[in-house]
Amino acid sequence: MSQHEEGLVLPDDEHNRTLVGNVHPSNWVNPEPAGRYNIVVIGAGTAGLITAVIAASLGAKVALIEKHLMGGDCLNVGCVPSKGIIRAARAWADLRNAEEFGLHIPPGVKYDFGAVMARMRKLRAQISHNDSAHRYTKLGVDVYIGSGRFTGADTIQVEGPAGNRTLIFAKAAVCTGARASVPSTPGLKEAGYLTNETVFSLTELPSRIGVI
């Protein structure tokens, strides 16, 4: 992984490298803007992706800007990883309650938290192609990796390792979503904490956890 990619998604394993290669490719080169865009979409989460692809399918000239991971919360730290873990938890619950269905499970059966999380990362990586920069380019969307900054009523500057570009547009859709807000609880920083973004990076089961 390049220095820019390093630490983008942890742990650094084959599944997360596949994920990043799809939704934040290190070798991506931002296209040269060709005239005025009908719409510029800032943020490639669920709202931004749908806005961009529908507009492109209707014949609009569309630019999509994302500074972090395409797919947003749903793919990376929300719907997809959480459902992968929930499915594993349900399988374990079914196993514990197997006798209700006349099934006798030998004693000593254990779960492997690390394997559960690895399965989640594998599923997320497999699905990530659907939200990838290459796929959206093929769907007729100009994808720009970098930070967007409005510089005028109809211009936005994209800045990042993939190349700085100035885009001219008729309309803009701001689909940047939200992030977790860390409360100013005394001692929280010193104790260490997880958010909805970092919890999916766990590889070992915490001995105990509190939810605020």
N, C-alpha and C. Protein backbone atom coordinates (compact mmCIF):
# COMPACT_ATOMS: atom_id res chain seq x y z
N MET A 1 0.84 -1.19 0.00
CA MET A 1 0.00 0.00 0.00
C MET A 1 0.88 1.25 0.00
N SER A 2 0.40 2.31 -0.63
CA SER A 2 1.15 3.55 -0.64
C SER A 2 1.07 4.22 0.71
N GLN A 3 1.90 5.25 0.92
CA GLN A 3 1.86 5.98 2.17
C GLN A 3 0.50 6.63 2.37
N HIS A 4 -0.12 7.05 1.26
CA HIS A 4 -1.44 7.68 1.35
C HIS A 4 -2.48 6.68 1.83
N GLU A 5 -2.36 5.43 1.39
CA GLU A 5 -3.33 4.41 1.76
C GLU A 5 -3.10 3.84 3.15
N GLU A 6 -1.84 3.88 3.61
CA GLU A 6 -1.49 3.21 4.85
C GLU A 6 -2.36 3.71 6.00
N GLY A 7 -2.98 2.79 6.70
CA GLY A 7 -3.82 3.15 7.82
C GLY A 7 -5.21 3.62 7.44
N LEU A 8 -5.53 3.62 6.15
CA LEU A 8 -6.84 4.09 5.71
C LEU A 8 -7.94 3.18 6.25
N VAL A 9 -7.71 1.87 6.20
CA VAL A 9 -8.63 0.89 6.77
C VAL A 9 -7.78 -0.17 7.47
N LEU A 10 -8.06 -0.40 8.73
CA LEU A 10 -7.33 -1.39 9.51
C LEU A 10 -8.23 -2.56 9.86
N PRO A 11 -7.63 -3.76 10.04
CA PRO A 11 -6.22 -4.11 9.89
C PRO A 11 -5.80 -4.17 8.41
N ASP A 12 -4.52 -4.12 8.19
CA ASP A 12 -3.99 -4.16 6.83
C ASP A 12 -3.89 -5.62 6.39
N ASP A 13 -4.99 -6.16 5.87
CA ASP A 13 -4.98 -7.54 5.37
C ASP A 13 -5.47 -7.56 3.93
N GLU A 14 -5.52 -8.74 3.34
CA GLU A 14 -5.86 -8.85 1.92
C GLU A 14 -7.27 -8.33 1.63
N HIS A 15 -8.19 -8.53 2.57
CA HIS A 15 -9.56 -8.09 2.35
C HIS A 15 -9.66 -6.57 2.34
N ASN A 16 -9.01 -5.93 3.30
CA ASN A 16 -9.06 -4.47 3.34
C ASN A 16 -8.26 -3.84 2.21
N ARG A 17 -7.22 -4.52 1.75
CA ARG A 17 -6.50 -4.00 0.59
C ARG A 17 -7.37 -4.05 -0.66
N THR A 18 -8.17 -5.11 -0.78
CA THR A 18 -9.12 -5.19 -1.90
C THR A 18 -10.16 -4.09 -1.80
N LEU A 19 -10.67 -3.88 -0.58
CA LEU A 19 -11.65 -2.81 -0.35
C LEU A 19 -11.10 -1.46 -0.78
N VAL A 20 -9.93 -1.11 -0.26
CA VAL A 20 -9.33 0.19 -0.57
C VAL A 20 -9.01 0.30 -2.06
N GLY A 21 -8.56 -0.79 -2.65
CA GLY A 21 -8.26 -0.77 -4.08
C GLY A 21 -9.48 -0.46 -4.93
N ASN A 22 -10.66 -0.78 -4.42
CA ASN A 22 -11.90 -0.48 -5.15
C ASN A 22 -12.42 0.92 -4.86
N VAL A 23 -12.46 1.30 -3.59
CA VAL A 23 -13.17 2.53 -3.21
C VAL A 23 -12.26 3.73 -2.94
N HIS A 24 -10.95 3.50 -2.94
CA HIS A 24 -9.99 4.61 -2.83
C HIS A 24 -8.67 4.16 -3.45
N PRO A 25 -8.67 3.87 -4.75
CA PRO A 25 -7.49 3.30 -5.40
C PRO A 25 -6.29 4.24 -5.36
N SER A 26 -5.13 3.70 -5.00
CA SER A 26 -3.93 4.53 -4.84
C SER A 26 -3.41 5.05 -6.17
N ASN A 27 -3.70 4.33 -7.25
CA ASN A 27 -3.19 4.74 -8.56
C ASN A 27 -4.20 5.57 -9.35
N TRP A 28 -5.23 6.04 -8.67
CA TRP A 28 -6.27 6.79 -9.37
C TRP A 28 -5.75 8.15 -9.82
N VAL A 29 -6.07 8.52 -11.05
CA VAL A 29 -5.74 9.84 -11.58
C VAL A 29 -7.05 10.55 -11.91
N ASN A 30 -7.28 11.67 -11.27
CA ASN A 30 -8.52 12.41 -11.53
C ASN A 30 -8.59 12.85 -12.99
N PRO A 31 -9.76 12.70 -13.61
CA PRO A 31 -9.88 13.07 -15.02
C PRO A 31 -9.76 14.58 -15.22
N GLU A 32 -9.42 14.96 -16.42
CA GLU A 32 -9.41 16.38 -16.77
C GLU A 32 -10.86 16.80 -17.06
N PRO A 33 -11.34 17.83 -16.36
CA PRO A 33 -12.73 18.26 -16.59
C PRO A 33 -12.93 18.68 -18.05
N ALA A 34 -14.03 18.24 -18.61
CA ALA A 34 -14.34 18.58 -20.00
C ALA A 34 -15.59 19.45 -20.02
N GLY A 35 -15.40 20.73 -19.81
CA GLY A 35 -16.53 21.65 -19.87
C GLY A 35 -17.33 21.70 -18.58
N ARG A 36 -18.55 22.14 -18.71
CA ARG A 36 -19.43 22.40 -17.57
C ARG A 36 -20.24 21.15 -17.22
N TYR A 37 -20.22 20.77 -15.95
CA TYR A 37 -21.01 19.62 -15.50
C TYR A 37 -22.45 20.07 -15.21
N ASN A 38 -23.39 19.21 -15.56
CA ASN A 38 -24.78 19.48 -15.18
C ASN A 38 -24.94 19.44 -13.66
N ILE A 39 -24.22 18.50 -13.03
CA ILE A 39 -24.29 18.39 -11.58
C ILE A 39 -22.97 17.84 -11.03
N VAL A 40 -22.53 18.43 -9.94
CA VAL A 40 -21.39 17.92 -9.18
C VAL A 40 -21.92 17.38 -7.87
N VAL A 41 -21.55 16.16 -7.54
CA VAL A 41 -21.99 15.51 -6.30
C VAL A 41 -20.80 15.41 -5.36
N ILE A 42 -20.94 15.96 -4.16
CA ILE A 42 -19.87 15.91 -3.17
C ILE A 42 -20.23 14.87 -2.13
N GLY A 43 -19.45 13.81 -2.08
CA GLY A 43 -19.70 12.72 -1.15
C GLY A 43 -20.22 11.50 -1.88
N ALA A 44 -19.48 10.38 -1.76
CA ALA A 44 -19.86 9.15 -2.48
C ALA A 44 -20.37 8.08 -1.53
N GLY A 45 -21.21 8.51 -0.58
CA GLY A 45 -21.95 7.54 0.23
C GLY A 45 -23.20 7.12 -0.52
N THR A 46 -24.15 6.53 0.19
CA THR A 46 -25.36 6.04 -0.46
C THR A 46 -26.08 7.14 -1.23
N ALA A 47 -26.30 8.29 -0.60
CA ALA A 47 -27.03 9.38 -1.25
C ALA A 47 -26.28 9.90 -2.47
N GLY A 48 -24.96 10.08 -2.33
CA GLY A 48 -24.18 10.61 -3.43
C GLY A 48 -24.09 9.65 -4.60
N LEU A 49 -23.89 8.37 -4.31
CA LEU A 49 -23.80 7.38 -5.38
C LEU A 49 -25.09 7.29 -6.18
N ILE A 50 -26.21 7.25 -5.46
CA ILE A 50 -27.50 7.15 -6.14
C ILE A 50 -27.78 8.41 -6.97
N THR A 51 -27.49 9.57 -6.39
CA THR A 51 -27.68 10.83 -7.12
C THR A 51 -26.87 10.84 -8.41
N ALA A 52 -25.60 10.44 -8.30
CA ALA A 52 -24.71 10.48 -9.46
C ALA A 52 -25.14 9.51 -10.54
N VAL A 53 -25.45 8.28 -10.17
CA VAL A 53 -25.74 7.27 -11.19
C VAL A 53 -27.09 7.52 -11.85
N ILE A 54 -28.08 8.02 -11.10
CA ILE A 54 -29.37 8.32 -11.71
C ILE A 54 -29.24 9.49 -12.67
N ALA A 55 -28.52 10.53 -12.26
CA ALA A 55 -28.33 11.68 -13.14
C ALA A 55 -27.60 11.27 -14.42
N ALA A 56 -26.56 10.44 -14.28
CA ALA A 56 -25.82 9.99 -15.46
C ALA A 56 -26.69 9.15 -16.38
N SER A 57 -27.55 8.32 -15.79
CA SER A 57 -28.42 7.46 -16.60
C SER A 57 -29.44 8.26 -17.39
N LEU A 58 -29.73 9.48 -16.92
CA LEU A 58 -30.67 10.35 -17.62
C LEU A 58 -29.98 11.25 -18.64
N GLY A 59 -28.67 11.06 -18.78
CA GLY A 59 -27.93 11.81 -19.79
C GLY A 59 -27.18 13.02 -19.27
N ALA A 60 -27.20 13.24 -17.96
CA ALA A 60 -26.50 14.40 -17.40
C ALA A 60 -25.00 14.16 -17.37
N LYS A 61 -24.26 15.24 -17.44
CA LYS A 61 -22.81 15.19 -17.28
C LYS A 61 -22.52 15.36 -15.79
N VAL A 62 -21.95 14.31 -15.17
CA VAL A 62 -21.88 14.23 -13.71
C VAL A 62 -20.44 14.08 -13.23
N ALA A 63 -20.11 14.82 -12.17
CA ALA A 63 -18.84 14.64 -11.46
C ALA A 63 -19.15 14.21 -10.04
N LEU A 64 -18.38 13.26 -9.53
CA LEU A 64 -18.56 12.74 -8.17
C LEU A 64 -17.25 12.90 -7.42
N ILE A 65 -17.30 13.55 -6.25
CA ILE A 65 -16.10 13.84 -5.47
C ILE A 65 -16.16 13.09 -4.14
N GLU A 66 -15.08 12.38 -3.81
CA GLU A 66 -15.00 11.67 -2.53
C GLU A 66 -13.57 11.76 -2.00
N LYS A 67 -13.42 12.19 -0.76
CA LYS A 67 -12.07 12.34 -0.19
C LYS A 67 -11.61 11.11 0.57
N HIS A 68 -12.55 10.23 0.96
CA HIS A 68 -12.16 9.09 1.78
C HIS A 68 -12.50 7.79 1.06
N LEU A 69 -13.55 7.11 1.47
CA LEU A 69 -13.90 5.82 0.89
C LEU A 69 -15.25 5.90 0.20
N MET A 70 -15.29 5.58 -1.08
CA MET A 70 -16.57 5.48 -1.77
C MET A 70 -17.40 4.38 -1.10
N GLY A 71 -18.70 4.56 -1.11
CA GLY A 71 -19.58 3.63 -0.42
C GLY A 71 -20.04 4.17 0.92
N GLY A 72 -19.29 5.15 1.46
CA GLY A 72 -19.71 5.82 2.68
C GLY A 72 -19.89 4.88 3.86
N ASP A 73 -20.75 5.30 4.79
CA ASP A 73 -20.99 4.52 6.00
C ASP A 73 -21.54 3.14 5.69
N CYS A 74 -22.50 3.06 4.77
CA CYS A 74 -23.20 1.80 4.54
C CYS A 74 -22.24 0.67 4.20
N LEU A 75 -21.38 0.89 3.25
CA LEU A 75 -20.44 -0.16 2.85
C LEU A 75 -19.34 -0.36 3.88
N ASN A 76 -18.77 0.71 4.37
CA ASN A 76 -17.52 0.62 5.12
C ASN A 76 -17.68 0.46 6.63
N VAL A 77 -18.62 1.19 7.23
CA VAL A 77 -18.73 1.16 8.69
C VAL A 77 -20.18 1.12 9.17
N GLY A 78 -21.07 0.60 8.33
CA GLY A 78 -22.48 0.61 8.71
C GLY A 78 -23.18 -0.67 8.32
N CYS A 79 -24.07 -0.55 7.33
CA CYS A 79 -24.97 -1.65 6.96
C CYS A 79 -24.24 -2.96 6.69
N VAL A 80 -23.25 -2.92 5.82
CA VAL A 80 -22.61 -4.16 5.38
C VAL A 80 -21.82 -4.85 6.49
N PRO A 81 -20.87 -4.18 7.15
CA PRO A 81 -20.13 -4.89 8.19
C PRO A 81 -20.99 -5.29 9.38
N SER A 82 -21.94 -4.45 9.76
CA SER A 82 -22.78 -4.79 10.92
C SER A 82 -23.63 -6.01 10.64
N LYS A 83 -24.18 -6.10 9.44
CA LYS A 83 -25.03 -7.26 9.11
C LYS A 83 -24.20 -8.54 9.03
N GLY A 84 -22.94 -8.41 8.59
CA GLY A 84 -22.08 -9.58 8.57
C GLY A 84 -21.84 -10.14 9.96
N ILE A 85 -21.64 -9.24 10.92
CA ILE A 85 -21.40 -9.67 12.30
C ILE A 85 -22.70 -10.17 12.94
N ILE A 86 -23.81 -9.50 12.66
CA ILE A 86 -25.09 -9.94 13.20
C ILE A 86 -25.43 -11.35 12.73
N ARG A 87 -25.12 -11.65 11.47
CA ARG A 87 -25.40 -13.00 10.95
C ARG A 87 -24.61 -14.05 11.72
N ALA A 88 -23.35 -13.75 12.02
CA ALA A 88 -22.53 -14.68 12.78
C ALA A 88 -23.08 -14.85 14.19
N ALA A 89 -23.53 -13.75 14.80
CA ALA A 89 -24.09 -13.81 16.15
C ALA A 89 -25.36 -14.66 16.17
N ARG A 90 -26.18 -14.54 15.14
CA ARG A 90 -27.40 -15.34 15.07
C ARG A 90 -27.09 -16.82 14.91
N ALA A 91 -26.05 -17.11 14.14
CA ALA A 91 -25.65 -18.51 13.98
C ALA A 91 -25.21 -19.10 15.32
N TRP A 92 -24.47 -18.31 16.10
CA TRP A 92 -24.03 -18.76 17.41
C TRP A 92 -25.22 -18.93 18.36
N ALA A 93 -26.18 -18.01 18.29
CA ALA A 93 -27.37 -18.12 19.13
C ALA A 93 -28.17 -19.36 18.77
N ASP A 94 -28.29 -19.65 17.47
CA ASP A 94 -29.00 -20.85 17.04
C ASP A 94 -28.31 -22.10 17.56
N LEU A 95 -26.99 -22.07 17.57
CA LEU A 95 -26.23 -23.22 18.05
C LEU A 95 -26.47 -23.44 19.54
N ARG A 96 -26.49 -22.37 20.30
CA ARG A 96 -26.71 -22.49 21.75
C ARG A 96 -28.11 -22.98 22.07
N ASN A 97 -29.06 -22.67 21.18
CA ASN A 97 -30.45 -23.07 21.41
C ASN A 97 -30.84 -24.30 20.59
N ALA A 98 -29.85 -25.03 20.12
CA ALA A 98 -30.11 -26.14 19.20
C ALA A 98 -30.97 -27.23 19.83
N GLU A 99 -30.85 -27.44 21.15
CA GLU A 99 -31.61 -28.51 21.79
C GLU A 99 -33.11 -28.29 21.69
N GLU A 100 -33.54 -27.03 21.54
CA GLU A 100 -34.96 -26.75 21.37
C GLU A 100 -35.50 -27.41 20.11
N PHE A 101 -34.60 -27.68 19.17
CA PHE A 101 -35.01 -28.26 17.89
C PHE A 101 -34.59 -29.73 17.79
N GLY A 102 -34.22 -30.31 18.93
CA GLY A 102 -33.86 -31.71 18.95
C GLY A 102 -32.46 -32.00 18.46
N LEU A 103 -31.62 -30.97 18.43
CA LEU A 103 -30.24 -31.14 17.98
C LEU A 103 -29.31 -31.13 19.19
N HIS A 104 -28.39 -32.07 19.23
CA HIS A 104 -27.47 -32.18 20.36
C HIS A 104 -26.06 -31.83 19.89
N ILE A 105 -25.57 -30.70 20.35
CA ILE A 105 -24.25 -30.21 19.96
C ILE A 105 -23.24 -30.66 20.99
N PRO A 106 -22.12 -31.24 20.57
CA PRO A 106 -21.11 -31.70 21.52
C PRO A 106 -20.61 -30.53 22.38
N PRO A 107 -20.31 -30.78 23.64
CA PRO A 107 -19.78 -29.71 24.50
C PRO A 107 -18.41 -29.24 24.02
N GLY A 108 -18.08 -28.02 24.37
CA GLY A 108 -16.76 -27.50 24.02
C GLY A 108 -16.70 -26.75 22.71
N VAL A 109 -17.85 -26.60 22.03
CA VAL A 109 -17.86 -25.83 20.78
C VAL A 109 -17.61 -24.36 21.11
N LYS A 110 -16.69 -23.73 20.40
CA LYS A 110 -16.31 -22.35 20.70
C LYS A 110 -16.45 -21.47 19.46
N TYR A 111 -16.56 -20.19 19.72
CA TYR A 111 -16.56 -19.23 18.62
C TYR A 111 -15.16 -18.64 18.47
N ASP A 112 -14.88 -18.12 17.29
CA ASP A 112 -13.59 -17.49 16.99
C ASP A 112 -13.87 -16.06 16.53
N PHE A 113 -13.71 -15.11 17.45
CA PHE A 113 -14.04 -13.72 17.14
C PHE A 113 -13.21 -13.20 15.96
N GLY A 114 -11.93 -13.55 15.94
CA GLY A 114 -11.07 -13.11 14.84
C GLY A 114 -11.57 -13.59 13.49
N ALA A 115 -12.05 -14.84 13.46
CA ALA A 115 -12.57 -15.41 12.21
C ALA A 115 -13.88 -14.73 11.81
N VAL A 116 -14.70 -14.38 12.80
CA VAL A 116 -15.94 -13.66 12.52
C VAL A 116 -15.64 -12.33 11.85
N MET A 117 -14.67 -11.60 12.38
CA MET A 117 -14.32 -10.29 11.82
C MET A 117 -13.66 -10.43 10.45
N ALA A 118 -12.87 -11.49 10.28
CA ALA A 118 -12.24 -11.71 8.97
C ALA A 118 -13.30 -12.01 7.91
N ARG A 119 -14.32 -12.78 8.30
CA ARG A 119 -15.42 -13.07 7.36
C ARG A 119 -16.14 -11.78 6.98
N MET A 120 -16.36 -10.91 7.96
CA MET A 120 -17.00 -9.63 7.67
C MET A 120 -16.18 -8.83 6.67
N ARG A 121 -14.87 -8.76 6.90
CA ARG A 121 -14.01 -7.99 5.99
C ARG A 121 -14.00 -8.59 4.59
N LYS A 122 -14.05 -9.91 4.51
CA LYS A 122 -14.09 -10.58 3.21
C LYS A 122 -15.37 -10.23 2.45
N LEU A 123 -16.51 -10.30 3.15
CA LEU A 123 -17.79 -9.96 2.51
C LEU A 123 -17.80 -8.51 2.06
N ARG A 124 -17.30 -7.62 2.90
CA ARG A 124 -17.27 -6.20 2.57
C ARG A 124 -16.41 -5.95 1.33
N ALA A 125 -15.27 -6.62 1.27
CA ALA A 125 -14.39 -6.45 0.12
C ALA A 125 -15.04 -6.95 -1.17
N GLN A 126 -15.76 -8.08 -1.07
CA GLN A 126 -16.42 -8.63 -2.25
C GLN A 126 -17.50 -7.69 -2.77
N ILE A 127 -18.23 -7.08 -1.86
CA ILE A 127 -19.32 -6.18 -2.24
C ILE A 127 -18.80 -4.84 -2.75
N SER A 128 -17.60 -4.45 -2.33
CA SER A 128 -17.10 -3.11 -2.60
C SER A 128 -16.97 -2.78 -4.08
N HIS A 129 -16.88 -3.79 -4.93
CA HIS A 129 -16.80 -3.51 -6.37
C HIS A 129 -18.01 -2.70 -6.84
N ASN A 130 -19.17 -2.95 -6.22
CA ASN A 130 -20.38 -2.25 -6.64
C ASN A 130 -20.30 -0.74 -6.44
N ASP A 131 -19.49 -0.31 -5.47
CA ASP A 131 -19.35 1.12 -5.18
C ASP A 131 -17.99 1.66 -5.64
N SER A 132 -17.32 0.94 -6.50
CA SER A 132 -15.94 1.28 -6.85
C SER A 132 -15.84 2.45 -7.82
N ALA A 133 -14.67 3.09 -7.78
CA ALA A 133 -14.40 4.20 -8.70
C ALA A 133 -14.45 3.74 -10.15
N HIS A 134 -13.91 2.56 -10.43
CA HIS A 134 -13.88 2.06 -11.80
C HIS A 134 -15.30 1.77 -12.31
N ARG A 135 -16.14 1.20 -11.46
CA ARG A 135 -17.50 0.88 -11.90
C ARG A 135 -18.28 2.15 -12.21
N TYR A 136 -18.17 3.15 -11.36
CA TYR A 136 -18.92 4.38 -11.59
C TYR A 136 -18.41 5.14 -12.81
N THR A 137 -17.13 5.01 -13.08
CA THR A 137 -16.60 5.60 -14.31
C THR A 137 -17.24 4.94 -15.53
N LYS A 138 -17.37 3.61 -15.48
CA LYS A 138 -18.00 2.89 -16.59
C LYS A 138 -19.48 3.25 -16.73
N LEU A 139 -20.09 3.69 -15.63
CA LEU A 139 -21.50 4.09 -15.67
C LEU A 139 -21.68 5.53 -16.16
N GLY A 140 -20.57 6.18 -16.52
CA GLY A 140 -20.66 7.51 -17.10
C GLY A 140 -20.45 8.66 -16.14
N VAL A 141 -19.89 8.36 -14.96
CA VAL A 141 -19.64 9.39 -13.95
C VAL A 141 -18.15 9.69 -13.90
N ASP A 142 -17.79 10.98 -13.89
CA ASP A 142 -16.39 11.36 -13.70
C ASP A 142 -16.10 11.35 -12.20
N VAL A 143 -15.23 10.44 -11.77
CA VAL A 143 -14.94 10.27 -10.34
C VAL A 143 -13.65 11.01 -9.99
N TYR A 144 -13.75 11.84 -8.94
CA TYR A 144 -12.60 12.60 -8.46
C TYR A 144 -12.32 12.20 -7.01
N ILE A 145 -11.11 11.74 -6.75
CA ILE A 145 -10.70 11.39 -5.39
C ILE A 145 -9.95 12.58 -4.80
N GLY A 146 -10.50 13.15 -3.74
CA GLY A 146 -9.88 14.31 -3.11
C GLY A 146 -10.91 15.12 -2.35
N SER A 147 -10.47 16.21 -1.76
CA SER A 147 -11.35 17.10 -1.00
C SER A 147 -11.91 18.18 -1.91
N GLY A 148 -13.20 18.43 -1.79
CA GLY A 148 -13.84 19.47 -2.59
C GLY A 148 -13.97 20.77 -1.80
N ARG A 149 -13.70 21.88 -2.47
CA ARG A 149 -13.82 23.19 -1.83
C ARG A 149 -14.43 24.17 -2.83
N PHE A 150 -15.60 24.73 -2.46
CA PHE A 150 -16.24 25.69 -3.35
C PHE A 150 -15.38 26.94 -3.46
N THR A 151 -15.16 27.37 -4.70
CA THR A 151 -14.36 28.58 -4.93
C THR A 151 -15.16 29.67 -5.63
N GLY A 152 -16.43 29.39 -5.90
CA GLY A 152 -17.29 30.36 -6.55
C GLY A 152 -18.70 29.83 -6.62
N ALA A 153 -19.60 30.60 -7.22
CA ALA A 153 -21.00 30.20 -7.30
C ALA A 153 -21.19 28.97 -8.18
N ASP A 154 -20.26 28.73 -9.11
CA ASP A 154 -20.39 27.58 -10.00
C ASP A 154 -19.07 26.85 -10.20
N THR A 155 -18.16 26.98 -9.23
CA THR A 155 -16.87 26.30 -9.34
C THR A 155 -16.52 25.61 -8.02
N ILE A 156 -15.83 24.50 -8.14
CA ILE A 156 -15.35 23.77 -6.97
C ILE A 156 -13.96 23.24 -7.28
N GLN A 157 -13.07 23.36 -6.31
CA GLN A 157 -11.70 22.88 -6.45
C GLN A 157 -11.57 21.53 -5.77
N VAL A 158 -11.02 20.56 -6.49
CA VAL A 158 -10.74 19.24 -5.94
C VAL A 158 -9.24 19.14 -5.70
N GLU A 159 -8.86 18.82 -4.47
CA GLU A 159 -7.45 18.74 -4.11
C GLU A 159 -7.14 17.39 -3.50
N GLY A 160 -6.05 16.77 -3.96
CA GLY A 160 -5.65 15.49 -3.41
C GLY A 160 -4.56 14.85 -4.23
N PRO A 161 -4.01 13.73 -3.73
CA PRO A 161 -2.92 13.04 -4.43
C PRO A 161 -3.27 12.59 -5.84
N ALA A 162 -4.58 12.42 -6.11
CA ALA A 162 -4.99 11.98 -7.44
C ALA A 162 -4.98 13.12 -8.46
N GLY A 163 -4.66 14.34 -7.99
CA GLY A 163 -4.57 15.47 -8.91
C GLY A 163 -5.55 16.57 -8.55
N ASN A 164 -5.08 17.81 -8.60
CA ASN A 164 -5.94 18.97 -8.33
C ASN A 164 -6.68 19.36 -9.61
N ARG A 165 -7.97 19.61 -9.46
CA ARG A 165 -8.79 19.98 -10.61
C ARG A 165 -9.80 21.06 -10.20
N THR A 166 -10.16 21.91 -11.14
CA THR A 166 -11.21 22.89 -10.94
C THR A 166 -12.40 22.51 -11.81
N LEU A 167 -13.55 22.31 -11.19
CA LEU A 167 -14.75 21.88 -11.90
C LEU A 167 -15.74 23.03 -11.98
N ILE A 168 -16.39 23.15 -13.12
CA ILE A 168 -17.46 24.13 -13.32
C ILE A 168 -18.77 23.37 -13.41
N PHE A 169 -19.81 23.86 -12.73
CA PHE A 169 -21.05 23.10 -12.66
C PHE A 169 -22.27 24.02 -12.73
N ALA A 170 -23.40 23.41 -13.08
CA ALA A 170 -24.68 24.12 -13.05
C ALA A 170 -25.38 23.94 -11.71
N LYS A 171 -25.33 22.71 -11.18
CA LYS A 171 -25.94 22.39 -9.90
C LYS A 171 -24.96 21.57 -9.07
N ALA A 172 -25.11 21.67 -7.75
CA ALA A 172 -24.27 20.88 -6.84
C ALA A 172 -25.15 20.18 -5.82
N ALA A 173 -24.82 18.93 -5.53
CA ALA A 173 -25.52 18.16 -4.49
C ALA A 173 -24.51 17.83 -3.40
N VAL A 174 -24.75 18.35 -2.20
CA VAL A 174 -23.85 18.09 -1.07
C VAL A 174 -24.39 16.88 -0.31
N CYS A 175 -23.68 15.77 -0.43
CA CYS A 175 -24.11 14.50 0.17
C CYS A 175 -23.00 13.97 1.08
N THR A 176 -22.54 14.82 1.99
CA THR A 176 -21.37 14.49 2.80
C THR A 176 -21.70 13.72 4.07
N GLY A 177 -22.98 13.57 4.40
CA GLY A 177 -23.36 12.75 5.55
C GLY A 177 -22.90 13.33 6.87
N ALA A 178 -22.61 12.44 7.83
CA ALA A 178 -22.23 12.87 9.18
C ALA A 178 -21.22 11.89 9.76
N ARG A 179 -20.60 12.28 10.86
CA ARG A 179 -19.65 11.41 11.55
C ARG A 179 -19.99 11.38 13.03
N ALA A 180 -19.47 10.37 13.72
CA ALA A 180 -19.72 10.24 15.15
C ALA A 180 -19.12 11.42 15.90
N SER A 181 -19.85 11.93 16.88
CA SER A 181 -19.36 13.01 17.73
C SER A 181 -18.92 12.41 19.06
N VAL A 182 -17.66 12.62 19.40
CA VAL A 182 -17.12 12.06 20.64
C VAL A 182 -17.46 12.99 21.80
N PRO A 183 -18.15 12.50 22.82
CA PRO A 183 -18.53 13.36 23.95
C PRO A 183 -17.31 13.75 24.78
N SER A 184 -17.43 14.86 25.48
CA SER A 184 -16.33 15.36 26.32
C SER A 184 -16.40 14.75 27.72
N THR A 185 -16.57 13.44 27.79
CA THR A 185 -16.65 12.74 29.07
C THR A 185 -15.28 12.70 29.73
N PRO A 186 -15.15 13.15 30.97
CA PRO A 186 -13.84 13.12 31.63
C PRO A 186 -13.24 11.71 31.66
N GLY A 187 -11.99 11.60 31.25
CA GLY A 187 -11.29 10.33 31.28
C GLY A 187 -11.49 9.46 30.05
N LEU A 188 -12.40 9.85 29.15
CA LEU A 188 -12.69 9.01 27.99
C LEU A 188 -11.48 8.87 27.07
N LYS A 189 -10.82 9.97 26.81
CA LYS A 189 -9.66 9.94 25.93
C LYS A 189 -8.56 9.06 26.50
N GLU A 190 -8.33 9.17 27.80
CA GLU A 190 -7.28 8.38 28.44
C GLU A 190 -7.62 6.89 28.46
N ALA A 191 -8.90 6.58 28.63
CA ALA A 191 -9.33 5.18 28.70
C ALA A 191 -9.32 4.52 27.33
N GLY A 192 -9.48 5.34 26.28
CA GLY A 192 -9.58 4.79 24.93
C GLY A 192 -11.03 4.47 24.61
N TYR A 193 -11.41 4.62 23.36
CA TYR A 193 -12.81 4.39 23.00
C TYR A 193 -12.90 3.95 21.54
N LEU A 194 -14.05 3.41 21.21
CA LEU A 194 -14.37 3.00 19.85
C LEU A 194 -15.55 3.82 19.36
N THR A 195 -15.63 4.04 18.06
CA THR A 195 -16.79 4.65 17.44
C THR A 195 -17.36 3.66 16.42
N ASN A 196 -18.44 4.06 15.76
CA ASN A 196 -19.00 3.20 14.72
C ASN A 196 -18.01 2.98 13.59
N GLU A 197 -17.00 3.84 13.47
CA GLU A 197 -16.01 3.68 12.41
C GLU A 197 -14.89 2.72 12.82
N THR A 198 -14.44 2.80 14.07
CA THR A 198 -13.27 2.02 14.48
C THR A 198 -13.62 0.64 15.03
N VAL A 199 -14.87 0.44 15.44
CA VAL A 199 -15.22 -0.84 16.05
C VAL A 199 -15.05 -2.01 15.08
N PHE A 200 -15.19 -1.74 13.78
CA PHE A 200 -15.07 -2.82 12.80
C PHE A 200 -13.63 -3.16 12.48
N SER A 201 -12.69 -2.47 13.12
CA SER A 201 -11.28 -2.80 12.95
C SER A 201 -10.79 -3.78 14.01
N LEU A 202 -11.65 -4.13 14.96
CA LEU A 202 -11.25 -5.05 16.01
C LEU A 202 -10.90 -6.42 15.43
N THR A 203 -9.86 -7.03 15.99
CA THR A 203 -9.49 -8.40 15.62
C THR A 203 -9.56 -9.34 16.82
N GLU A 204 -9.66 -8.76 18.01
CA GLU A 204 -9.78 -9.55 19.24
C GLU A 204 -10.99 -9.05 20.02
N LEU A 205 -11.67 -9.97 20.69
CA LEU A 205 -12.86 -9.62 21.46
C LEU A 205 -12.45 -8.92 22.75
N PRO A 206 -12.95 -7.70 22.99
CA PRO A 206 -12.63 -7.02 24.26
C PRO A 206 -13.17 -7.82 25.44
N SER A 207 -12.45 -7.79 26.55
CA SER A 207 -12.91 -8.52 27.74
C SER A 207 -14.18 -7.91 28.30
N ARG A 208 -14.34 -6.62 28.12
CA ARG A 208 -15.57 -5.94 28.53
C ARG A 208 -15.69 -4.65 27.73
N ILE A 209 -16.91 -4.16 27.63
CA ILE A 209 -17.13 -2.96 26.84
C ILE A 209 -18.34 -2.21 27.40
N GLY A 210 -18.24 -0.90 27.45
CA GLY A 210 -19.36 -0.07 27.87
C GLY A 210 -19.85 0.75 26.70
N VAL A 211 -21.14 0.99 26.65
CA VAL A 211 -21.73 1.74 25.54
C VAL A 211 -22.28 3.06 26.08
N ILE A 212 -21.84 4.15 25.51
CA ILE A 212 -22.30 5.48 25.90
C ILE A 212 -23.30 5.98 24.86
